N, C-alpha and C. Protein backbone atom coordinates (compact mmCIF):
# COMPACT_ATOMS: atom_id res chain seq x y z
N MET A 1 0.86 -1.15 0.04
CA MET A 1 -0.07 0.08 -0.03
C MET A 1 0.85 1.33 0.03
N TYR A 2 2.07 1.30 0.76
CA TYR A 2 2.84 2.28 0.80
C TYR A 2 3.46 2.68 -0.54
N GLU A 3 3.78 1.65 -1.60
CA GLU A 3 4.29 2.23 -2.80
C GLU A 3 3.10 2.70 -3.59
N LEU A 4 1.97 2.22 -3.47
CA LEU A 4 0.83 3.10 -4.24
C LEU A 4 0.40 4.38 -3.70
N ASP A 5 0.83 4.59 -2.56
CA ASP A 5 0.65 6.05 -1.89
C ASP A 5 1.75 7.00 -2.46
N LEU A 6 2.89 6.48 -2.54
CA LEU A 6 4.05 7.28 -3.10
C LEU A 6 3.74 7.44 -4.72
N HIS A 7 3.22 6.38 -5.63
CA HIS A 7 2.89 6.51 -6.79
C HIS A 7 1.89 7.76 -6.90
N ARG A 8 0.75 7.81 -6.22
CA ARG A 8 -0.24 8.67 -6.38
C ARG A 8 0.36 10.35 -6.04
N MET A 9 1.20 10.29 -5.06
CA MET A 9 1.76 11.63 -4.59
C MET A 9 2.50 11.86 -5.69
N ARG A 10 3.24 10.98 -6.33
CA ARG A 10 4.40 11.65 -7.35
C ARG A 10 3.57 12.01 -8.54
N SER A 11 2.38 11.32 -8.96
CA SER A 11 1.69 11.55 -9.90
C SER A 11 0.96 12.93 -9.79
N ALA A 12 0.55 13.27 -8.56
CA ALA A 12 -0.06 14.26 -8.28
C ALA A 12 0.75 15.67 -8.44
N ASP A 13 2.11 15.37 -7.98
CA ASP A 13 3.21 16.37 -8.00
C ASP A 13 3.44 16.69 -9.55
N LEU A 14 3.38 15.59 -10.33
CA LEU A 14 3.86 15.99 -11.79
C LEU A 14 2.67 16.51 -12.55
N ARG A 15 1.38 16.34 -12.14
CA ARG A 15 0.40 17.01 -12.77
C ARG A 15 0.40 18.52 -12.29
N ARG A 16 0.74 18.75 -11.09
CA ARG A 16 0.76 20.16 -10.59
C ARG A 16 1.91 20.91 -11.46
N ALA A 17 2.88 20.31 -11.49
CA ALA A 17 4.00 20.84 -12.33
C ALA A 17 3.74 21.25 -13.66
N ALA A 18 3.14 20.13 -14.32
CA ALA A 18 2.83 20.29 -15.57
C ALA A 18 1.77 21.31 -15.91
N ASP A 19 0.73 21.66 -14.96
CA ASP A 19 -0.27 22.61 -15.00
C ASP A 19 0.44 24.05 -14.73
N GLN A 20 1.51 24.22 -13.89
CA GLN A 20 2.22 25.39 -13.80
C GLN A 20 3.02 25.70 -15.05
N GLU A 21 3.68 24.84 -15.68
CA GLU A 21 4.29 25.02 -16.81
C GLU A 21 3.52 25.57 -18.05
N ARG A 22 2.42 24.80 -17.96
CA ARG A 22 1.39 25.32 -19.12
C ARG A 22 0.85 26.70 -19.00
N LEU A 23 0.56 27.00 -17.53
CA LEU A 23 0.09 28.45 -17.49
C LEU A 23 1.22 29.42 -17.79
N ALA A 24 2.50 28.99 -17.32
CA ALA A 24 3.59 30.03 -17.68
C ALA A 24 3.76 30.09 -19.25
N ARG A 25 3.62 29.03 -19.96
CA ARG A 25 3.75 29.12 -21.30
C ARG A 25 2.66 29.85 -22.11
N GLU A 26 1.61 29.77 -21.51
CA GLU A 26 0.24 30.57 -21.94
C GLU A 26 0.45 32.03 -21.64
N ALA A 27 1.02 32.27 -20.38
CA ALA A 27 1.53 33.62 -20.14
C ALA A 27 2.48 34.53 -21.06
N VAL A 28 3.40 33.67 -21.44
CA VAL A 28 4.44 34.04 -22.34
C VAL A 28 3.70 34.33 -23.75
N ARG A 29 2.94 33.36 -24.08
CA ARG A 29 2.27 33.56 -25.43
C ARG A 29 1.47 34.70 -25.44
N THR A 30 0.71 35.10 -24.47
CA THR A 30 -0.35 36.12 -24.17
C THR A 30 0.52 37.37 -24.55
N GLY A 31 1.67 37.38 -23.75
CA GLY A 31 2.64 38.75 -23.77
C GLY A 31 3.06 39.02 -25.03
N ARG A 32 3.56 38.04 -25.71
CA ARG A 32 4.16 38.11 -27.02
C ARG A 32 3.06 38.68 -28.06
N ALA A 33 1.75 38.16 -27.99
CA ALA A 33 0.71 38.60 -28.69
C ALA A 33 0.43 39.97 -28.47
N ALA A 34 0.34 40.47 -27.17
CA ALA A 34 0.07 41.82 -26.87
C ALA A 34 0.99 42.61 -27.52
N ARG A 35 2.47 42.11 -27.37
CA ARG A 35 3.38 43.16 -28.03
C ARG A 35 3.45 43.23 -29.52
N ARG A 36 3.14 42.26 -30.02
CA ARG A 36 2.89 42.27 -31.50
C ARG A 36 1.65 43.15 -31.98
N GLU A 37 0.58 42.99 -31.15
CA GLU A 37 -0.45 43.86 -31.40
C GLU A 37 -0.05 45.34 -31.38
N GLU A 38 0.51 45.51 -30.14
CA GLU A 38 1.05 47.03 -29.90
C GLU A 38 2.10 47.57 -30.88
N ALA A 39 2.79 46.72 -31.24
CA ALA A 39 3.89 47.05 -32.26
C ALA A 39 3.14 47.42 -33.68
N ALA A 40 2.09 46.53 -34.00
CA ALA A 40 1.51 46.78 -35.28
C ALA A 40 0.66 47.87 -35.22
N ARG A 41 0.02 48.43 -34.17
CA ARG A 41 -0.55 49.65 -34.05
C ARG A 41 0.14 50.87 -34.25
N HIS A 42 1.36 50.97 -33.77
CA HIS A 42 2.41 52.01 -33.68
C HIS A 42 3.16 52.08 -35.11
N ALA A 43 3.18 50.83 -35.74
CA ALA A 43 3.89 50.81 -37.05
C ALA A 43 3.33 51.71 -38.09
N ALA A 44 4.20 52.19 -38.98
CA ALA A 44 3.74 53.12 -39.99
C ALA A 44 3.14 52.17 -41.15
N PRO A 45 2.08 52.60 -41.81
CA PRO A 45 1.44 51.67 -42.73
C PRO A 45 2.65 51.40 -43.90
N GLY A 46 2.85 50.21 -44.25
CA GLY A 46 3.58 49.92 -45.49
C GLY A 46 4.99 49.66 -44.95
N ALA A 47 5.28 49.85 -43.79
CA ALA A 47 6.75 49.83 -43.30
C ALA A 47 7.02 48.39 -43.19
N GLU A 48 8.22 47.82 -43.44
CA GLU A 48 8.34 46.28 -43.30
C GLU A 48 9.42 46.31 -42.11
N SER A 49 9.22 45.33 -41.14
CA SER A 49 10.12 45.28 -40.38
C SER A 49 11.46 44.49 -40.46
N HIS A 50 11.44 43.40 -41.79
CA HIS A 50 12.56 42.93 -42.06
C HIS A 50 12.96 43.43 -43.45
N THR A 51 14.18 43.89 -43.47
CA THR A 51 14.70 44.30 -44.75
C THR A 51 15.79 43.37 -45.20
N GLY A 52 16.35 43.53 -46.35
CA GLY A 52 17.40 42.84 -46.76
C GLY A 52 18.77 42.99 -46.36
N ARG A 53 18.85 44.05 -45.66
CA ARG A 53 20.24 44.45 -45.09
C ARG A 53 20.39 43.83 -43.60
N SER A 54 21.77 43.59 -43.72
CA SER A 54 22.06 42.77 -42.35
C SER A 54 22.33 43.96 -41.29
N ARG A 55 22.33 43.40 -40.02
CA ARG A 55 22.39 44.36 -39.03
C ARG A 55 24.03 44.95 -38.95
N ARG A 56 24.88 43.90 -39.21
CA ARG A 56 26.37 44.42 -39.05
C ARG A 56 26.91 44.10 -40.52
N PRO A 57 27.90 45.14 -41.02
CA PRO A 57 28.41 44.73 -42.25
C PRO A 57 29.49 43.55 -41.97
N ARG A 58 29.36 42.61 -43.01
CA ARG A 58 30.26 41.67 -42.96
C ARG A 58 31.72 41.86 -43.25
N LEU A 59 32.62 41.25 -42.53
CA LEU A 59 34.07 41.44 -42.89
C LEU A 59 34.51 40.52 -44.12
N PRO A 60 35.48 41.03 -45.00
CA PRO A 60 35.88 40.36 -46.09
C PRO A 60 36.34 39.07 -45.89
N ARG A 61 36.33 38.20 -46.67
CA ARG A 61 36.80 36.81 -46.44
C ARG A 61 38.39 36.89 -46.46
N THR A 62 38.98 36.07 -45.89
CA THR A 62 40.46 36.12 -45.84
C THR A 62 40.96 34.98 -46.83
N ALA A 63 41.94 35.07 -47.48
CA ALA A 63 42.67 34.22 -48.48
C ALA A 63 43.07 32.82 -47.91
């Protein structure tokens, strides 16, 4: 009976941990979506966020 109780307690702990992780992922997703919506509202119409230019100029290749 002792092993069955340990199994149930461990199972309950794992379920609680999974629920907490699920809530954390959902909060991150919600925050990202809110930031995207905010950025879309403040962006100029027709402006593209991704351009063909890289952020830093590349160094020439060495021979």
